[in-house]
Amino acid sequence: MTDDPNLEDDVLAEDALDAGAEEAYEAMAEESGVDAGAILEEAKLERMHRQAYWHTQSKQLFAFLFANCCFFASGFAAWTRAGYNEDGSAALVDPSLLFTGLDTIRGSLLFALALYGFWTAAFNIWHAQMKVWPYLLGGILGLWVGVGGIVSGVGGEQWERSKLYLSDHLESKTMMDDILTPLGTIAPGYWLCAFGGLIVVWVIVMGLVQGGQSAKATATESGGSGRRRR
């Protein structure tokens, strides 16, 4: 029936639980004049299709959903941070200069793609399909925004001023302070965008690798069958 033993167990278990449903299908078939066997076979095929979908696509689907949540949250997260003065002291920043992702064109577009991604996920689950283009576009845009913001922040002016703050204005510090304080000069919106984009790229690359391995295994199996027939 299938190469996946777990999938076969699930289907057999559902068949056992739904034994009473067969009688209902037969009663419906008698009333409508349709072959009961055809109705049952169609129902079993539909169940197999959905079980196979969940066994093969559930991990990818939820990974895409988590990335989509990162893109959604980046619209509300800050894309600027209060910085440090030249002497390393904390700077007082005018709140009007601070903005979130929704205050930018790129952030608003990423937020719109995230909303569409939730809608697409609902249809993917309902129709047992896997449309990925909203997540792919969101991943490309997220990487462009996030990686660009992180690269420009690492080693920048505020990065160096944060180290001065650690050495001159912080009486007691730990290793975590040395790591997190400079990283904290990069706005959280950029981290969310980059993290979501990396998840999308990872899922797509893993899918391509698994597809290539499956194709190779199928070709090897077919070649072996052909040699045996000769």
C-alpha atoms as a PDB file:
ATOM      1  CA  MET A   1       0.000   0.000   0.000  1.00  0.00           C
ATOM      2  CA  THR A   2       2.817   2.399   0.916  1.00  0.00           C
ATOM      3  CA  ASP A   3       6.498   2.316   1.833  1.00  0.00           C
ATOM      4  CA  ASP A   4       5.907   4.224   5.081  1.00  0.00           C
ATOM      5  CA  PRO A   5       5.020   1.739   7.907  1.00  0.00           C
ATOM      6  CA  ASN A   6       3.804   4.554  10.156  1.00  0.00           C
ATOM      7  CA  LEU A   7       1.464   5.731   7.440  1.00  0.00           C
ATOM      8  CA  GLU A   8       0.078   2.218   7.001  1.00  0.00           C
ATOM      9  CA  ASP A   9      -0.484   1.914  10.776  1.00  0.00           C
ATOM     10  CA  ASP A  10      -2.377   5.209  10.822  1.00  0.00           C
ATOM     11  CA  VAL A  11      -4.606   4.164   7.951  1.00  0.00           C
ATOM     12  CA  LEU A  12      -5.313   0.728   9.464  1.00  0.00           C
ATOM     13  CA  ALA A  13      -6.128   2.326  12.807  1.00  0.00           C
ATOM     14  CA  GLU A  14      -8.517   4.763  11.186  1.00  0.00           C
ATOM     15  CA  ASP A  15     -10.144   1.929   9.237  1.00  0.00           C
ATOM     16  CA  ALA A  16     -10.738   0.077  12.497  1.00  0.00           C
ATOM     17  CA  LEU A  17     -12.177   3.147  14.194  1.00  0.00           C
ATOM     18  CA  ASP A  18     -14.370   3.969  11.200  1.00  0.00           C
ATOM     19  CA  ALA A  19     -15.875   0.519  10.785  1.00  0.00           C
ATOM     20  CA  GLY A  20     -19.228   1.995  11.657  1.00  0.00           C
ATOM     21  CA  ALA A  21     -18.829   4.620   8.970  1.00  0.00           C
ATOM     22  CA  GLU A  22     -18.871   1.942   6.255  1.00  0.00           C
ATOM     23  CA  GLU A  23     -22.432   1.072   7.184  1.00  0.00           C
ATOM     24  CA  ALA A  24     -23.370   4.729   6.858  1.00  0.00           C
ATOM     25  CA  TYR A  25     -21.732   4.900   3.415  1.00  0.00           C
ATOM     26  CA  GLU A  26     -23.603   1.768   2.343  1.00  0.00           C
ATOM     27  CA  ALA A  27     -26.889   3.249   3.509  1.00  0.00           C
ATOM     28  CA  MET A  28     -26.178   6.441   1.590  1.00  0.00           C
ATOM     29  CA  ALA A  29     -25.264   4.427  -1.481  1.00  0.00           C
ATOM     30  CA  GLU A  30     -28.515   2.457  -1.360  1.00  0.00           C
ATOM     31  CA  GLU A  31     -30.527   5.651  -1.140  1.00  0.00           C
ATOM     32  CA  SER A  32     -28.676   7.373  -3.973  1.00  0.00           C
ATOM     33  CA  GLY A  33     -28.203   4.305  -6.159  1.00  0.00           C
ATOM     34  CA  VAL A  34     -24.408   4.709  -6.245  1.00  0.00           C
ATOM     35  CA  ASP A  35     -21.990   1.806  -5.790  1.00  0.00           C
ATOM     36  CA  ALA A  36     -21.041   1.634  -2.095  1.00  0.00           C
ATOM     37  CA  GLY A  37     -17.630   0.171  -2.927  1.00  0.00           C
ATOM     38  CA  ALA A  38     -16.791   3.153  -5.113  1.00  0.00           C
ATOM     39  CA  ILE A  39     -17.735   5.589  -2.348  1.00  0.00           C
ATOM     40  CA  LEU A  40     -15.651   3.703   0.216  1.00  0.00           C
ATOM     41  CA  GLU A  41     -12.683   3.462  -2.131  1.00  0.00           C
ATOM     42  CA  GLU A  42     -12.814   7.183  -2.857  1.00  0.00           C
ATOM     43  CA  ALA A  43     -12.979   7.969   0.860  1.00  0.00           C
ATOM     44  CA  LYS A  44      -9.991   5.718   1.575  1.00  0.00           C
ATOM     45  CA  LEU A  45      -7.963   7.287  -1.236  1.00  0.00           C
ATOM     46  CA  GLU A  46      -8.744  10.761   0.108  1.00  0.00           C
ATOM     47  CA  ARG A  47      -7.688   9.685   3.586  1.00  0.00           C
ATOM     48  CA  MET A  48      -4.467   8.188   2.245  1.00  0.00           C
ATOM     49  CA  HIS A  49      -3.760  11.380   0.349  1.00  0.00           C
ATOM     50  CA  ARG A  50      -4.145  13.527   3.455  1.00  0.00           C
ATOM     51  CA  GLN A  51      -2.132  11.133   5.627  1.00  0.00           C
ATOM     52  CA  ALA A  52       0.680  11.114   3.069  1.00  0.00           C
ATOM     53  CA  TYR A  53       0.548  14.912   2.924  1.00  0.00           C
ATOM     54  CA  TRP A  54       0.952  15.263   6.691  1.00  0.00           C
ATOM     55  CA  HIS A  55       3.703  12.646   6.891  1.00  0.00           C
ATOM     56  CA  THR A  56       5.752  14.296   4.135  1.00  0.00           C
ATOM     57  CA  GLN A  57       4.898  18.009   4.353  1.00  0.00           C
ATOM     58  CA  SER A  58       4.106  18.780   8.002  1.00  0.00           C
ATOM     59  CA  LYS A  59       7.679  19.716   8.988  1.00  0.00           C
ATOM     60  CA  GLN A  60       8.131  21.998   5.981  1.00  0.00           C
ATOM     61  CA  LEU A  61       4.724  23.577   6.474  1.00  0.00           C
ATOM     62  CA  PHE A  62       5.300  24.473  10.121  1.00  0.00           C
ATOM     63  CA  ALA A  63       8.825  25.706   9.400  1.00  0.00           C
ATOM     64  CA  PHE A  64       7.389  28.051   6.763  1.00  0.00           C
ATOM     65  CA  LEU A  65       4.727  29.157   9.245  1.00  0.00           C
ATOM     66  CA  PHE A  66       7.350  29.977  11.873  1.00  0.00           C
ATOM     67  CA  ALA A  67       9.341  31.994   9.330  1.00  0.00           C
ATOM     68  CA  ASN A  68       6.118  33.739   8.375  1.00  0.00           C
ATOM     69  CA  CYS A  69       5.542  34.620  12.044  1.00  0.00           C
ATOM     70  CA  CYS A  70       9.016  36.209  12.123  1.00  0.00           C
ATOM     71  CA  PHE A  71       8.151  38.347   9.090  1.00  0.00           C
ATOM     72  CA  PHE A  72       4.816  39.288  10.652  1.00  0.00           C
ATOM     73  CA  ALA A  73       6.440  40.277  13.963  1.00  0.00           C
ATOM     74  CA  SER A  74       9.148  42.282  12.185  1.00  0.00           C
ATOM     75  CA  GLY A  75       6.483  44.726  11.060  1.00  0.00           C
ATOM     76  CA  PHE A  76       5.835  45.713  14.684  1.00  0.00           C
ATOM     77  CA  ALA A  77       9.433  45.387  15.900  1.00  0.00           C
ATOM     78  CA  ALA A  78      11.791  48.361  16.074  1.00  0.00           C
ATOM     79  CA  TRP A  79      14.076  48.965  13.119  1.00  0.00           C
ATOM     80  CA  THR A  80      16.103  51.588  14.999  1.00  0.00           C
ATOM     81  CA  ARG A  81      17.637  51.562  18.468  1.00  0.00           C
ATOM     82  CA  ALA A  82      18.699  54.169  20.997  1.00  0.00           C
ATOM     83  CA  GLY A  83      22.475  54.338  20.735  1.00  0.00           C
ATOM     84  CA  TYR A  84      25.509  55.600  22.624  1.00  0.00           C
ATOM     85  CA  ASN A  85      27.325  58.936  22.691  1.00  0.00           C
ATOM     86  CA  GLU A  86      30.929  59.336  21.607  1.00  0.00           C
ATOM     87  CA  ASP A  87      32.115  58.920  25.202  1.00  0.00           C
ATOM     88  CA  GLY A  88      30.221  55.633  25.496  1.00  0.00           C
ATOM     89  CA  SER A  89      27.364  56.969  27.633  1.00  0.00           C
ATOM     90  CA  ALA A  90      23.808  56.029  26.720  1.00  0.00           C
ATOM     91  CA  ALA A  91      22.287  58.519  24.313  1.00  0.00           C
ATOM     92  CA  LEU A  92      18.878  60.135  24.707  1.00  0.00           C
ATOM     93  CA  VAL A  93      17.117  59.720  21.364  1.00  0.00           C
ATOM     94  CA  ASP A  94      14.108  61.687  20.206  1.00  0.00           C
ATOM     95  CA  PRO A  95      11.209  59.165  20.096  1.00  0.00           C
ATOM     96  CA  SER A  96      10.116  60.626  16.757  1.00  0.00           C
ATOM     97  CA  LEU A  97      13.350  59.293  15.230  1.00  0.00           C
ATOM     98  CA  LEU A  98      12.542  55.717  16.231  1.00  0.00           C
ATOM     99  CA  PHE A  99      10.437  53.702  13.778  1.00  0.00           C
ATOM    100  CA  THR A 100       9.148  50.159  13.207  1.00  0.00           C
ATOM    101  CA  GLY A 101       8.958  48.009  10.109  1.00  0.00           C
ATOM    102  CA  LEU A 102       5.494  49.307   9.224  1.00  0.00           C
ATOM    103  CA  ASP A 103       6.978  52.806   8.909  1.00  0.00           C
ATOM    104  CA  THR A 104       9.049  51.640   5.924  1.00  0.00           C
ATOM    105  CA  ILE A 105       8.131  50.435   2.425  1.00  0.00           C
ATOM    106  CA  ARG A 106      10.158  47.228   2.753  1.00  0.00           C
ATOM    107  CA  GLY A 107       8.683  46.412   6.153  1.00  0.00           C
ATOM    108  CA  SER A 108       5.134  47.061   4.959  1.00  0.00           C
ATOM    109  CA  LEU A 109       5.650  44.825   1.916  1.00  0.00           C
ATOM    110  CA  LEU A 110       7.091  42.077   4.103  1.00  0.00           C
ATOM    111  CA  PHE A 111       4.127  42.427   6.472  1.00  0.00           C
ATOM    112  CA  ALA A 112       1.695  42.129   3.545  1.00  0.00           C
ATOM    113  CA  LEU A 113       3.457  38.982   2.327  1.00  0.00           C
ATOM    114  CA  ALA A 114       3.254  37.566   5.855  1.00  0.00           C
ATOM    115  CA  LEU A 115      -0.509  38.123   5.956  1.00  0.00           C
ATOM    116  CA  TYR A 116      -0.842  36.400   2.590  1.00  0.00           C
ATOM    117  CA  GLY A 117       1.399  33.610   3.888  1.00  0.00           C
ATOM    118  CA  PHE A 118      -1.060  32.810   6.688  1.00  0.00           C
ATOM    119  CA  TRP A 119      -3.886  32.715   4.134  1.00  0.00           C
ATOM    120  CA  THR A 120      -1.804  30.420   1.902  1.00  0.00           C
ATOM    121  CA  ALA A 121      -1.033  28.095   4.821  1.00  0.00           C
ATOM    122  CA  ALA A 122      -4.745  27.675   5.531  1.00  0.00           C
ATOM    123  CA  PHE A 123      -5.386  26.722   1.890  1.00  0.00           C
ATOM    124  CA  ASN A 124      -2.357  24.409   1.871  1.00  0.00           C
ATOM    125  CA  ILE A 125      -3.777  22.501   4.819  1.00  0.00           C
ATOM    126  CA  TRP A 126      -7.335  22.475   3.479  1.00  0.00           C
ATOM    127  CA  HIS A 127      -6.387  21.280  -0.008  1.00  0.00           C
ATOM    128  CA  ALA A 128      -3.369  19.156   1.051  1.00  0.00           C
ATOM    129  CA  GLN A 129      -1.009  21.114  -1.197  1.00  0.00           C
ATOM    130  CA  MET A 130       2.241  23.039  -0.802  1.00  0.00           C
ATOM    131  CA  LYS A 131       2.370  26.460  -2.418  1.00  0.00           C
ATOM    132  CA  VAL A 132       5.571  28.156  -1.264  1.00  0.00           C
ATOM    133  CA  TRP A 133       5.934  31.295  -3.383  1.00  0.00           C
ATOM    134  CA  PRO A 134       4.700  33.739  -0.655  1.00  0.00           C
ATOM    135  CA  TYR A 135       7.277  32.307   1.762  1.00  0.00           C
ATOM    136  CA  LEU A 136       9.990  32.348  -0.906  1.00  0.00           C
ATOM    137  CA  LEU A 137       9.364  36.015  -1.709  1.00  0.00           C
ATOM    138  CA  GLY A 138       9.206  36.824   2.004  1.00  0.00           C
ATOM    139  CA  GLY A 139      12.467  34.947   2.580  1.00  0.00           C
ATOM    140  CA  ILE A 140      14.274  36.823  -0.199  1.00  0.00           C
ATOM    141  CA  LEU A 141      13.018  40.186   1.029  1.00  0.00           C
ATOM    142  CA  GLY A 142      13.682  39.263   4.660  1.00  0.00           C
ATOM    143  CA  LEU A 143      17.273  38.256   3.921  1.00  0.00           C
ATOM    144  CA  TRP A 144      17.859  41.427   1.929  1.00  0.00           C
ATOM    145  CA  VAL A 145      16.577  43.628   4.757  1.00  0.00           C
ATOM    146  CA  GLY A 146      17.839  41.612   7.710  1.00  0.00           C
ATOM    147  CA  VAL A 147      21.316  40.668   6.530  1.00  0.00           C
ATOM    148  CA  GLY A 148      21.857  44.187   5.202  1.00  0.00           C
ATOM    149  CA  GLY A 149      20.926  45.709   8.566  1.00  0.00           C
ATOM    150  CA  ILE A 150      23.079  43.268  10.526  1.00  0.00           C
ATOM    151  CA  VAL A 151      26.133  43.668   8.284  1.00  0.00           C
ATOM    152  CA  SER A 152      25.922  47.452   8.437  1.00  0.00           C
ATOM    153  CA  GLY A 153      25.600  47.292  12.232  1.00  0.00           C
ATOM    154  CA  VAL A 154      28.454  44.900  12.988  1.00  0.00           C
ATOM    155  CA  GLY A 155      31.639  46.918  13.398  1.00  0.00           C
ATOM    156  CA  GLY A 156      29.808  50.195  12.903  1.00  0.00           C
ATOM    157  CA  GLU A 157      29.902  53.355  14.940  1.00  0.00           C
ATOM    158  CA  GLN A 158      27.362  52.253  17.529  1.00  0.00           C
ATOM    159  CA  TRP A 159      29.019  48.841  17.748  1.00  0.00           C
ATOM    160  CA  GLU A 160      32.310  50.435  18.777  1.00  0.00           C
ATOM    161  CA  ARG A 161      30.623  52.897  21.142  1.00  0.00           C
ATOM    162  CA  SER A 162      28.907  50.011  22.923  1.00  0.00           C
ATOM    163  CA  LYS A 163      32.328  48.497  23.659  1.00  0.00           C
ATOM    164  CA  LEU A 164      33.418  51.840  25.094  1.00  0.00           C
ATOM    165  CA  TYR A 165      30.297  51.800  27.269  1.00  0.00           C
ATOM    166  CA  LEU A 166      31.232  48.342  28.541  1.00  0.00           C
ATOM    167  CA  SER A 167      34.780  49.366  29.431  1.00  0.00           C
ATOM    168  CA  ASP A 168      34.142  52.837  30.875  1.00  0.00           C
ATOM    169  CA  HIS A 169      30.557  52.960  32.167  1.00  0.00           C
ATOM    170  CA  LEU A 170      29.733  49.436  33.321  1.00  0.00           C
ATOM    171  CA  GLU A 171      31.252  48.612  36.701  1.00  0.00           C
ATOM    172  CA  SER A 172      30.715  44.858  36.602  1.00  0.00           C
ATOM    173  CA  LYS A 173      30.250  42.911  33.391  1.00  0.00           C
ATOM    174  CA  THR A 174      30.135  39.301  32.283  1.00  0.00           C
ATOM    175  CA  MET A 175      30.970  37.470  29.086  1.00  0.00           C
ATOM    176  CA  MET A 176      27.308  37.666  28.096  1.00  0.00           C
ATOM    177  CA  ASP A 177      27.474  41.458  28.402  1.00  0.00           C
ATOM    178  CA  ASP A 178      30.454  41.502  26.052  1.00  0.00           C
ATOM    179  CA  ILE A 179      28.479  39.478  23.504  1.00  0.00           C
ATOM    180  CA  LEU A 180      24.948  40.845  23.832  1.00  0.00           C
ATOM    181  CA  THR A 181      25.635  44.562  24.312  1.00  0.00           C
ATOM    182  CA  PRO A 182      27.186  45.087  20.850  1.00  0.00           C
ATOM    183  CA  LEU A 183      24.573  42.808  19.265  1.00  0.00           C
ATOM    184  CA  GLY A 184      21.907  44.892  20.991  1.00  0.00           C
ATOM    185  CA  THR A 185      22.888  47.909  18.886  1.00  0.00           C
ATOM    186  CA  ILE A 186      21.289  46.132  15.901  1.00  0.00           C
ATOM    187  CA  ALA A 187      17.520  46.611  15.815  1.00  0.00           C
ATOM    188  CA  PRO A 188      15.415  43.497  16.546  1.00  0.00           C
ATOM    189  CA  GLY A 189      13.465  43.926  13.309  1.00  0.00           C
ATOM    190  CA  TYR A 190      16.602  43.077  11.336  1.00  0.00           C
ATOM    191  CA  TRP A 191      17.222  39.951  13.400  1.00  0.00           C
ATOM    192  CA  LEU A 192      13.654  38.741  12.809  1.00  0.00           C
ATOM    193  CA  CYS A 193      13.883  39.352   9.063  1.00  0.00           C
ATOM    194  CA  ALA A 194      17.211  37.547   8.753  1.00  0.00           C
ATOM    195  CA  PHE A 195      16.150  34.620  10.953  1.00  0.00           C
ATOM    196  CA  GLY A 196      12.917  34.092   9.010  1.00  0.00           C
ATOM    197  CA  GLY A 197      14.755  34.294   5.690  1.00  0.00           C
ATOM    198  CA  LEU A 198      17.337  31.737   6.793  1.00  0.00           C
ATOM    199  CA  ILE A 199      14.573  29.326   7.823  1.00  0.00           C
ATOM    200  CA  VAL A 200      12.964  29.612   4.372  1.00  0.00           C
ATOM    201  CA  VAL A 201      16.289  29.007   2.607  1.00  0.00           C
ATOM    202  CA  TRP A 202      17.077  26.037   4.864  1.00  0.00           C
ATOM    203  CA  VAL A 203      13.694  24.375   4.219  1.00  0.00           C
ATOM    204  CA  ILE A 204      13.947  24.844   0.458  1.00  0.00           C
ATOM    205  CA  VAL A 205      17.535  23.551   0.298  1.00  0.00           C
ATOM    206  CA  MET A 206      16.660  20.503   2.426  1.00  0.00           C
ATOM    207  CA  GLY A 207      13.653  19.835   0.191  1.00  0.00           C
ATOM    208  CA  LEU A 208      15.827  19.943  -2.914  1.00  0.00           C
ATOM    209  CA  VAL A 209      18.378  17.615  -1.317  1.00  0.00           C
ATOM    210  CA  GLN A 210      15.705  15.125  -0.257  1.00  0.00           C
ATOM    211  CA  GLY A 211      14.111  15.298  -3.709  1.00  0.00           C
ATOM    212  CA  GLY A 212      17.454  14.587  -5.345  1.00  0.00           C
ATOM    213  CA  GLN A 213      18.071  11.643  -3.029  1.00  0.00           C
ATOM    214  CA  SER A 214      14.602  10.226  -3.742  1.00  0.00           C
ATOM    215  CA  ALA A 215      15.109  10.602  -7.495  1.00  0.00           C
ATOM    216  CA  LYS A 216      18.498   8.898  -7.259  1.00  0.00           C
ATOM    217  CA  ALA A 217      17.056   6.035  -5.199  1.00  0.00           C
ATOM    218  CA  THR A 218      14.193   5.609  -7.688  1.00  0.00           C
ATOM    219  CA  ALA A 219      16.614   5.570 -10.624  1.00  0.00           C
ATOM    220  CA  THR A 220      18.819   2.998  -8.892  1.00  0.00           C
ATOM    221  CA  GLU A 221      15.802   0.832  -8.105  1.00  0.00           C
ATOM    222  CA  SER A 222      14.550   1.068 -11.686  1.00  0.00           C
ATOM    223  CA  GLY A 223      17.992   0.163 -13.037  1.00  0.00           C
ATOM    224  CA  GLY A 224      18.168  -2.845 -10.776  1.00  0.00           C
ATOM    225  CA  SER A 225      14.718  -4.035 -11.864  1.00  0.00           C
ATOM    226  CA  GLY A 226      15.703  -3.667 -15.524  1.00  0.00           C
ATOM    227  CA  ARG A 227      18.865  -5.733 -15.062  1.00  0.00           C
ATOM    228  CA  ARG A 228      16.932  -8.457 -13.272  1.00  0.00           C
ATOM    229  CA  ARG A 229      14.415  -8.664 -16.121  1.00  0.00           C
ATOM    230  CA  ARG A 230      17.209  -9.094 -18.675  1.00  0.00           C
END
